Amino acid sequence: AFLNGNQDEVVYMIQPEGFVDPINAGKICKLQKSIYGLKQASRSWNIRFDEVIKGLGFHQNEEESCVYKKESGSAVVFLIL
């Protein structure tokens, strides 16, 4: 899930262990998306999730930020993280 989070800031990392590319051996990587292990990953994923869910017509509960609600006719859907 965290792999889909967007980055709000520029993050660079060294090449992962086991990465073998003699042409680019001394280069670093610029991350385009959040990945596991980054302290920003959870927040980035949560912001992206919130945008997508609200785009689908859900409304966030004011008292409990992890609860979303969508009403359609007589049907009510709750989404709880």
PDB file of N, CA and C in Angstrom:
ATOM      1  N   ALA A   1       0.815  -1.194   0.000  1.00  0.00           N
ATOM      2  CA  ALA A   1       0.000   0.000   0.000  1.00  0.00           C
ATOM      3  C   ALA A   1       0.859   1.259   0.000  1.00  0.00           C
ATOM      4  N   PHE A   2       1.940   1.241   0.752  1.00  0.00           N
ATOM      5  CA  PHE A   2       2.777   2.438   0.822  1.00  0.00           C
ATOM      6  C   PHE A   2       3.428   2.761  -0.515  1.00  0.00           C
ATOM      7  N   LEU A   3       3.522   1.798  -1.395  1.00  0.00           N
ATOM      8  CA  LEU A   3       4.183   2.037  -2.676  1.00  0.00           C
ATOM      9  C   LEU A   3       3.418   3.021  -3.543  1.00  0.00           C
ATOM     10  N   ASN A   4       2.151   3.261  -3.237  1.00  0.00           N
ATOM     11  CA  ASN A   4       1.348   4.180  -4.027  1.00  0.00           C
ATOM     12  C   ASN A   4       1.327   5.594  -3.476  1.00  0.00           C
ATOM     13  N   GLY A   5       1.984   5.827  -2.370  1.00  0.00           N
ATOM     14  CA  GLY A   5       1.996   7.162  -1.787  1.00  0.00           C
ATOM     15  C   GLY A   5       2.869   8.108  -2.591  1.00  0.00           C
ATOM     16  N   ASN A   6       2.432   9.346  -2.754  1.00  0.00           N
ATOM     17  CA  ASN A   6       3.210  10.352  -3.464  1.00  0.00           C
ATOM     18  C   ASN A   6       4.130  11.073  -2.501  1.00  0.00           C
ATOM     19  N   GLN A   7       5.270  11.519  -2.992  1.00  0.00           N
ATOM     20  CA  GLN A   7       6.237  12.248  -2.181  1.00  0.00           C
ATOM     21  C   GLN A   7       5.963  13.745  -2.259  1.00  0.00           C
ATOM     22  N   ASP A   8       5.962  14.420  -1.114  1.00  0.00           N
ATOM     23  CA  ASP A   8       5.830  15.873  -1.072  1.00  0.00           C
ATOM     24  C   ASP A   8       7.191  16.547  -1.022  1.00  0.00           C
ATOM     25  N   GLU A   9       8.211  15.780  -0.761  1.00  0.00           N
ATOM     26  CA  GLU A   9       9.555  16.333  -0.668  1.00  0.00           C
ATOM     27  C   GLU A   9      10.518  15.455  -1.458  1.00  0.00           C
ATOM     28  N   VAL A  10      11.666  16.011  -1.775  1.00  0.00           N
ATOM     29  CA  VAL A  10      12.668  15.268  -2.534  1.00  0.00           C
ATOM     30  C   VAL A  10      13.441  14.359  -1.583  1.00  0.00           C
ATOM     31  N   VAL A  11      13.515  13.067  -1.910  1.00  0.00           N
ATOM     32  CA  VAL A  11      14.221  12.094  -1.082  1.00  0.00           C
ATOM     33  C   VAL A  11      15.173  11.305  -1.978  1.00  0.00           C
ATOM     34  N   TYR A  12      16.428  11.210  -1.541  1.00  0.00           N
ATOM     35  CA  TYR A  12      17.439  10.431  -2.251  1.00  0.00           C
ATOM     36  C   TYR A  12      17.879   9.277  -1.362  1.00  0.00           C
ATOM     37  N   MET A  13      18.313   8.189  -1.980  1.00  0.00           N
ATOM     38  CA  MET A  13      18.816   7.046  -1.222  1.00  0.00           C
ATOM     39  C   MET A  13      19.995   6.428  -1.971  1.00  0.00           C
ATOM     40  N   ILE A  14      20.826   5.720  -1.228  1.00  0.00           N
ATOM     41  CA  ILE A  14      21.918   4.997  -1.871  1.00  0.00           C
ATOM     42  C   ILE A  14      21.329   3.789  -2.582  1.00  0.00           C
ATOM     43  N   GLN A  15      22.060   3.242  -3.504  1.00  0.00           N
ATOM     44  CA  GLN A  15      21.564   2.072  -4.226  1.00  0.00           C
ATOM     45  C   GLN A  15      21.414   0.897  -3.263  1.00  0.00           C
ATOM     46  N   PRO A  16      20.344   0.112  -3.418  1.00  0.00           N
ATOM     47  CA  PRO A  16      20.112  -1.015  -2.515  1.00  0.00           C
ATOM     48  C   PRO A  16      21.208  -2.072  -2.615  1.00  0.00           C
ATOM     49  N   GLU A  17      21.412  -2.766  -1.510  1.00  0.00           N
ATOM     50  CA  GLU A  17      22.389  -3.853  -1.476  1.00  0.00           C
ATOM     51  C   GLU A  17      21.997  -4.910  -2.501  1.00  0.00           C
ATOM     52  N   GLY A  18      22.953  -5.390  -3.239  1.00  0.00           N
ATOM     53  CA  GLY A  18      22.677  -6.382  -4.262  1.00  0.00           C
ATOM     54  C   GLY A  18      22.431  -5.779  -5.632  1.00  0.00           C
ATOM     55  N   PHE A  19      22.276  -4.463  -5.683  1.00  0.00           N
ATOM     56  CA  PHE A  19      22.092  -3.787  -6.967  1.00  0.00           C
ATOM     57  C   PHE A  19      23.423  -3.792  -7.703  1.00  0.00           C
ATOM     58  N   VAL A  20      23.449  -4.366  -8.884  1.00  0.00           N
ATOM     59  CA  VAL A  20      24.699  -4.463  -9.637  1.00  0.00           C
ATOM     60  C   VAL A  20      24.511  -3.800 -10.997  1.00  0.00           C
ATOM     61  N   ASP A  21      25.143  -2.655 -11.170  1.00  0.00           N
ATOM     62  CA  ASP A  21      25.142  -1.950 -12.448  1.00  0.00           C
ATOM     63  C   ASP A  21      26.455  -1.193 -12.533  1.00  0.00           C
ATOM     64  N   PRO A  22      27.464  -1.784 -13.152  1.00  0.00           N
ATOM     65  CA  PRO A  22      28.794  -1.181 -13.166  1.00  0.00           C
ATOM     66  C   PRO A  22      28.822   0.223 -13.771  1.00  0.00           C
ATOM     67  N   ILE A  23      27.926   0.518 -14.678  1.00  0.00           N
ATOM     68  CA  ILE A  23      27.900   1.843 -15.310  1.00  0.00           C
ATOM     69  C   ILE A  23      27.448   2.914 -14.322  1.00  0.00           C
ATOM     70  N   ASN A  24      26.527   2.570 -13.427  1.00  0.00           N
ATOM     71  CA  ASN A  24      25.960   3.536 -12.477  1.00  0.00           C
ATOM     72  C   ASN A  24      26.326   3.215 -11.036  1.00  0.00           C
ATOM     73  N   ALA A  25      27.441   2.576 -10.811  1.00  0.00           N
ATOM     74  CA  ALA A  25      27.816   2.086  -9.483  1.00  0.00           C
ATOM     75  C   ALA A  25      27.881   3.175  -8.419  1.00  0.00           C
ATOM     76  N   GLY A  26      28.326   4.369  -8.747  1.00  0.00           N
ATOM     77  CA  GLY A  26      28.491   5.407  -7.737  1.00  0.00           C
ATOM     78  C   GLY A  26      27.329   6.368  -7.626  1.00  0.00           C
ATOM     79  N   LYS A  27      26.239   6.093  -8.306  1.00  0.00           N
ATOM     80  CA  LYS A  27      25.109   7.025  -8.330  1.00  0.00           C
ATOM     81  C   LYS A  27      24.112   6.721  -7.215  1.00  0.00           C
ATOM     82  N   ILE A  28      23.284   7.728  -6.913  1.00  0.00           N
ATOM     83  CA  ILE A  28      22.223   7.567  -5.919  1.00  0.00           C
ATOM     84  C   ILE A  28      20.879   7.527  -6.635  1.00  0.00           C
ATOM     85  N   CYS A  29      19.831   7.178  -5.907  1.00  0.00           N
ATOM     86  CA  CYS A  29      18.492   7.076  -6.481  1.00  0.00           C
ATOM     87  C   CYS A  29      17.604   8.189  -5.939  1.00  0.00           C
ATOM     88  N   LYS A  30      16.817   8.787  -6.811  1.00  0.00           N
ATOM     89  CA  LYS A  30      15.812   9.766  -6.394  1.00  0.00           C
ATOM     90  C   LYS A  30      14.469   9.042  -6.370  1.00  0.00           C
ATOM     91  N   LEU A  31      13.813   9.044  -5.223  1.00  0.00           N
ATOM     92  CA  LEU A  31      12.545   8.328  -5.083  1.00  0.00           C
ATOM     93  C   LEU A  31      11.407   9.122  -5.711  1.00  0.00           C
ATOM     94  N   GLN A  32      10.571   8.425  -6.466  1.00  0.00           N
ATOM     95  CA  GLN A  32       9.395   9.036  -7.074  1.00  0.00           C
ATOM     96  C   GLN A  32       8.139   8.757  -6.238  1.00  0.00           C
ATOM     97  N   LYS A  33       8.138   7.668  -5.505  1.00  0.00           N
ATOM     98  CA  LYS A  33       7.003   7.263  -4.671  1.00  0.00           C
ATOM     99  C   LYS A  33       7.514   6.864  -3.300  1.00  0.00           C
ATOM    100  N   SER A  34       6.621   6.873  -2.313  1.00  0.00           N
ATOM    101  CA  SER A  34       6.993   6.434  -0.968  1.00  0.00           C
ATOM    102  C   SER A  34       7.252   4.935  -0.967  1.00  0.00           C
ATOM    103  N   ILE A  35       8.162   4.505  -0.115  1.00  0.00           N
ATOM    104  CA  ILE A  35       8.437   3.081   0.038  1.00  0.00           C
ATOM    105  C   ILE A  35       8.498   2.750   1.521  1.00  0.00           C
ATOM    106  N   TYR A  36       8.354   1.467   1.839  1.00  0.00           N
ATOM    107  CA  TYR A  36       8.460   1.020   3.222  1.00  0.00           C
ATOM    108  C   TYR A  36       9.801   1.436   3.802  1.00  0.00           C
ATOM    109  N   GLY A  37       9.803   1.809   5.060  1.00  0.00           N
ATOM    110  CA  GLY A  37      11.042   2.168   5.738  1.00  0.00           C
ATOM    111  C   GLY A  37      11.262   3.662   5.832  1.00  0.00           C
ATOM    112  N   LEU A  38      10.585   4.439   5.009  1.00  0.00           N
ATOM    113  CA  LEU A  38      10.703   5.891   5.112  1.00  0.00           C
ATOM    114  C   LEU A  38       9.800   6.383   6.227  1.00  0.00           C
ATOM    115  N   LYS A  39      10.282   7.332   7.005  1.00  0.00           N
ATOM    116  CA  LYS A  39       9.430   7.854   8.075  1.00  0.00           C
ATOM    117  C   LYS A  39       8.227   8.602   7.504  1.00  0.00           C
ATOM    118  N   GLN A  40       8.306   9.050   6.252  1.00  0.00           N
ATOM    119  CA  GLN A  40       7.207   9.776   5.622  1.00  0.00           C
ATOM    120  C   GLN A  40       6.189   8.844   4.966  1.00  0.00           C
ATOM    121  N   ALA A  41       6.481   7.554   4.876  1.00  0.00           N
ATOM    122  CA  ALA A  41       5.651   6.633   4.103  1.00  0.00           C
ATOM    123  C   ALA A  41       4.217   6.548   4.616  1.00  0.00           C
ATOM    124  N   SER A  42       4.021   6.416   5.913  1.00  0.00           N
ATOM    125  CA  SER A  42       2.667   6.297   6.469  1.00  0.00           C
ATOM    126  C   SER A  42       1.846   7.539   6.199  1.00  0.00           C
ATOM    127  N   ARG A  43       2.427   8.684   6.441  1.00  0.00           N
ATOM    128  CA  ARG A  43       1.716   9.949   6.232  1.00  0.00           C
ATOM    129  C   ARG A  43       1.396  10.150   4.753  1.00  0.00           C
ATOM    130  N   SER A  44       2.344   9.856   3.907  1.00  0.00           N
ATOM    131  CA  SER A  44       2.159   9.999   2.465  1.00  0.00           C
ATOM    132  C   SER A  44       1.034   9.087   1.976  1.00  0.00           C
ATOM    133  N   TRP A  45       1.027   7.843   2.440  1.00  0.00           N
ATOM    134  CA  TRP A  45      -0.022   6.906   2.052  1.00  0.00           C
ATOM    135  C   TRP A  45      -1.376   7.386   2.544  1.00  0.00           C
ATOM    136  N   ASN A  46      -1.439   7.877   3.785  1.00  0.00           N
ATOM    137  CA  ASN A  46      -2.699   8.331   4.358  1.00  0.00           C
ATOM    138  C   ASN A  46      -3.268   9.518   3.583  1.00  0.00           C
ATOM    139  N   ILE A  47      -2.420  10.458   3.206  1.00  0.00           N
ATOM    140  CA  ILE A  47      -2.875  11.617   2.435  1.00  0.00           C
ATOM    141  C   ILE A  47      -3.422  11.161   1.087  1.00  0.00           C
ATOM    142  N   ARG A  48      -2.718  10.258   0.427  1.00  0.00           N
ATOM    143  CA  ARG A  48      -3.160   9.748  -0.879  1.00  0.00           C
ATOM    144  C   ARG A  48      -4.468   8.975  -0.746  1.00  0.00           C
ATOM    145  N   PHE A  49      -4.574   8.137   0.272  1.00  0.00           N
ATOM    146  CA  PHE A  49      -5.796   7.372   0.517  1.00  0.00           C
ATOM    147  C   PHE A  49      -6.977   8.311   0.726  1.00  0.00           C
ATOM    148  N   ASP A  50      -6.782   9.346   1.543  1.00  0.00           N
ATOM    149  CA  ASP A  50      -7.830  10.324   1.838  1.00  0.00           C
ATOM    150  C   ASP A  50      -8.321  11.004   0.553  1.00  0.00           C
ATOM    151  N   GLU A  51      -7.394  11.393  -0.313  1.00  0.00           N
ATOM    152  CA  GLU A  51      -7.760  12.040  -1.579  1.00  0.00           C
ATOM    153  C   GLU A  51      -8.606  11.112  -2.450  1.00  0.00           C
ATOM    154  N   VAL A  52      -8.189   9.862  -2.560  1.00  0.00           N
ATOM    155  CA  VAL A  52      -8.892   8.906  -3.418  1.00  0.00           C
ATOM    156  C   VAL A  52     -10.280   8.597  -2.870  1.00  0.00           C
ATOM    157  N   ILE A  53     -10.378   8.330  -1.582  1.00  0.00           N
ATOM    158  CA  ILE A  53     -11.663   7.983  -0.966  1.00  0.00           C
ATOM    159  C   ILE A  53     -12.652   9.140  -1.067  1.00  0.00           C
ATOM    160  N   LYS A  54     -12.188  10.346  -0.802  1.00  0.00           N
ATOM    161  CA  LYS A  54     -13.075  11.515  -0.926  1.00  0.00           C
ATOM    162  C   LYS A  54     -13.490  11.727  -2.373  1.00  0.00           C
ATOM    163  N   GLY A  55     -12.609  11.392  -3.310  1.00  0.00           N
ATOM    164  CA  GLY A  55     -12.938  11.478  -4.732  1.00  0.00           C
ATOM    165  C   GLY A  55     -14.019  10.487  -5.143  1.00  0.00           C
ATOM    166  N   LEU A  56     -14.173   9.425  -4.372  1.00  0.00           N
ATOM    167  CA  LEU A  56     -15.211   8.422  -4.628  1.00  0.00           C
ATOM    168  C   LEU A  56     -16.528   8.760  -3.932  1.00  0.00           C
ATOM    169  N   GLY A  57     -16.583   9.917  -3.270  1.00  0.00           N
ATOM    170  CA  GLY A  57     -17.827  10.363  -2.653  1.00  0.00           C
ATOM    171  C   GLY A  57     -17.966  10.090  -1.170  1.00  0.00           C
ATOM    172  N   PHE A  58     -16.926   9.593  -0.522  1.00  0.00           N
ATOM    173  CA  PHE A  58     -16.974   9.364   0.918  1.00  0.00           C
ATOM    174  C   PHE A  58     -16.692  10.668   1.655  1.00  0.00           C
ATOM    175  N   HIS A  59     -17.264  10.787   2.850  1.00  0.00           N
ATOM    176  CA  HIS A  59     -17.026  11.953   3.705  1.00  0.00           C
ATOM    177  C   HIS A  59     -16.388  11.480   5.005  1.00  0.00           C
ATOM    178  N   GLN A  60     -15.339  12.175   5.429  1.00  0.00           N
ATOM    179  CA  GLN A  60     -14.610  11.798   6.640  1.00  0.00           C
ATOM    180  C   GLN A  60     -15.388  12.245   7.873  1.00  0.00           C
ATOM    181  N   ASN A  61     -15.469  11.379   8.863  1.00  0.00           N
ATOM    182  CA  ASN A  61     -16.126  11.690  10.123  1.00  0.00           C
ATOM    183  C   ASN A  61     -15.295  12.723  10.884  1.00  0.00           C
ATOM    184  N   GLU A  62     -15.942  13.753  11.406  1.00  0.00           N
ATOM    185  CA  GLU A  62     -15.219  14.821  12.102  1.00  0.00           C
ATOM    186  C   GLU A  62     -14.646  14.369  13.440  1.00  0.00           C
ATOM    187  N   GLU A  63     -15.319  13.447  14.126  1.00  0.00           N
ATOM    188  CA  GLU A  63     -14.847  12.983  15.430  1.00  0.00           C
ATOM    189  C   GLU A  63     -13.785  11.887  15.313  1.00  0.00           C
ATOM    190  N   GLU A  64     -13.922  11.035  14.320  1.00  0.00           N
ATOM    191  CA  GLU A  64     -12.997   9.913  14.118  1.00  0.00           C
ATOM    192  C   GLU A  64     -12.449   9.984  12.698  1.00  0.00           C
ATOM    193  N   SER A  65     -11.216  10.420  12.566  1.00  0.00           N
ATOM    194  CA  SER A  65     -10.647  10.638  11.228  1.00  0.00           C
ATOM    195  C   SER A  65     -10.425   9.349  10.438  1.00  0.00           C
ATOM    196  N   CYS A  66     -10.510   8.199  11.086  1.00  0.00           N
ATOM    197  CA  CYS A  66     -10.314   6.927  10.369  1.00  0.00           C
ATOM    198  C   CYS A  66     -11.640   6.318   9.910  1.00  0.00           C
ATOM    199  N   VAL A  67     -12.743   7.065  10.045  1.00  0.00           N
ATOM    200  CA  VAL A  67     -14.057   6.582   9.631  1.00  0.00           C
ATOM    201  C   VAL A  67     -14.576   7.452   8.485  1.00  0.00           C
ATOM    202  N   TYR A  68     -14.986   6.788   7.404  1.00  0.00           N
ATOM    203  CA  TYR A  68     -15.544   7.478   6.242  1.00  0.00           C
ATOM    204  C   TYR A  68     -16.950   6.943   5.999  1.00  0.00           C
ATOM    205  N   LYS A  69     -17.819   7.804   5.460  1.00  0.00           N
ATOM    206  CA  LYS A  69     -19.211   7.425   5.233  1.00  0.00           C
ATOM    207  C   LYS A  69     -19.645   7.896   3.846  1.00  0.00           C
ATOM    208  N   LYS A  70     -20.433   7.038   3.176  1.00  0.00           N
ATOM    209  CA  LYS A  70     -20.990   7.403   1.872  1.00  0.00           C
ATOM    210  C   LYS A  70     -22.450   6.979   1.851  1.00  0.00           C
ATOM    211  N   GLU A  71     -23.311   7.903   1.449  1.00  0.00           N
ATOM    212  CA  GLU A  71     -24.735   7.610   1.343  1.00  0.00           C
ATOM    213  C   GLU A  71     -25.148   7.674  -0.117  1.00  0.00           C
ATOM    214  N   SER A  72     -25.934   6.695  -0.533  1.00  0.00           N
ATOM    215  CA  SER A  72     -26.444   6.649  -1.901  1.00  0.00           C
ATOM    216  C   SER A  72     -27.856   6.084  -1.850  1.00  0.00           C
ATOM    217  N   GLY A  73     -28.826   6.954  -1.996  1.00  0.00           N
ATOM    218  CA  GLY A  73     -30.216   6.525  -1.868  1.00  0.00           C
ATOM    219  C   GLY A  73     -30.473   6.045  -0.455  1.00  0.00           C
ATOM    220  N   SER A  74     -30.960   4.815  -0.314  1.00  0.00           N
ATOM    221  CA  SER A  74     -31.214   4.263   1.019  1.00  0.00           C
ATOM    222  C   SER A  74     -30.015   3.484   1.559  1.00  0.00           C
ATOM    223  N   ALA A  75     -28.973   3.355   0.764  1.00  0.00           N
ATOM    224  CA  ALA A  75     -27.784   2.603   1.194  1.00  0.00           C
ATOM    225  C   ALA A  75     -26.775   3.522   1.873  1.00  0.00           C
ATOM    226  N   VAL A  76     -26.193   3.027   2.957  1.00  0.00           N
ATOM    227  CA  VAL A  76     -25.149   3.757   3.676  1.00  0.00           C
ATOM    228  C   VAL A  76     -23.946   2.822   3.808  1.00  0.00           C
ATOM    229  N   VAL A  77     -22.777   3.335   3.442  1.00  0.00           N
ATOM    230  CA  VAL A  77     -21.550   2.542   3.521  1.00  0.00           C
ATOM    231  C   VAL A  77     -20.583   3.228   4.471  1.00  0.00           C
ATOM    232  N   PHE A  78     -20.067   2.474   5.436  1.00  0.00           N
ATOM    233  CA  PHE A  78     -19.033   2.974   6.340  1.00  0.00           C
ATOM    234  C   PHE A  78     -17.724   2.285   5.983  1.00  0.00           C
ATOM    235  N   LEU A  79     -16.663   3.059   5.937  1.00  0.00           N
ATOM    236  CA  LEU A  79     -15.330   2.535   5.695  1.00  0.00           C
ATOM    237  C   LEU A  79     -14.490   2.899   6.903  1.00  0.00           C
ATOM    238  N   ILE A  80     -13.981   1.886   7.599  1.00  0.00           N
ATOM    239  CA  ILE A  80     -13.225   2.111   8.830  1.00  0.00           C
ATOM    240  C   ILE A  80     -11.820   1.563   8.644  1.00  0.00           C
ATOM    241  N   LEU A  81     -10.833   2.421   8.862  1.00  0.00           N
ATOM    242  CA  LEU A  81      -9.429   1.995   8.739  1.00  0.00           C
ATOM    243  C   LEU A  81      -8.948   1.414  10.038  1.00  0.00           C
TER     244      LEU A  81
END
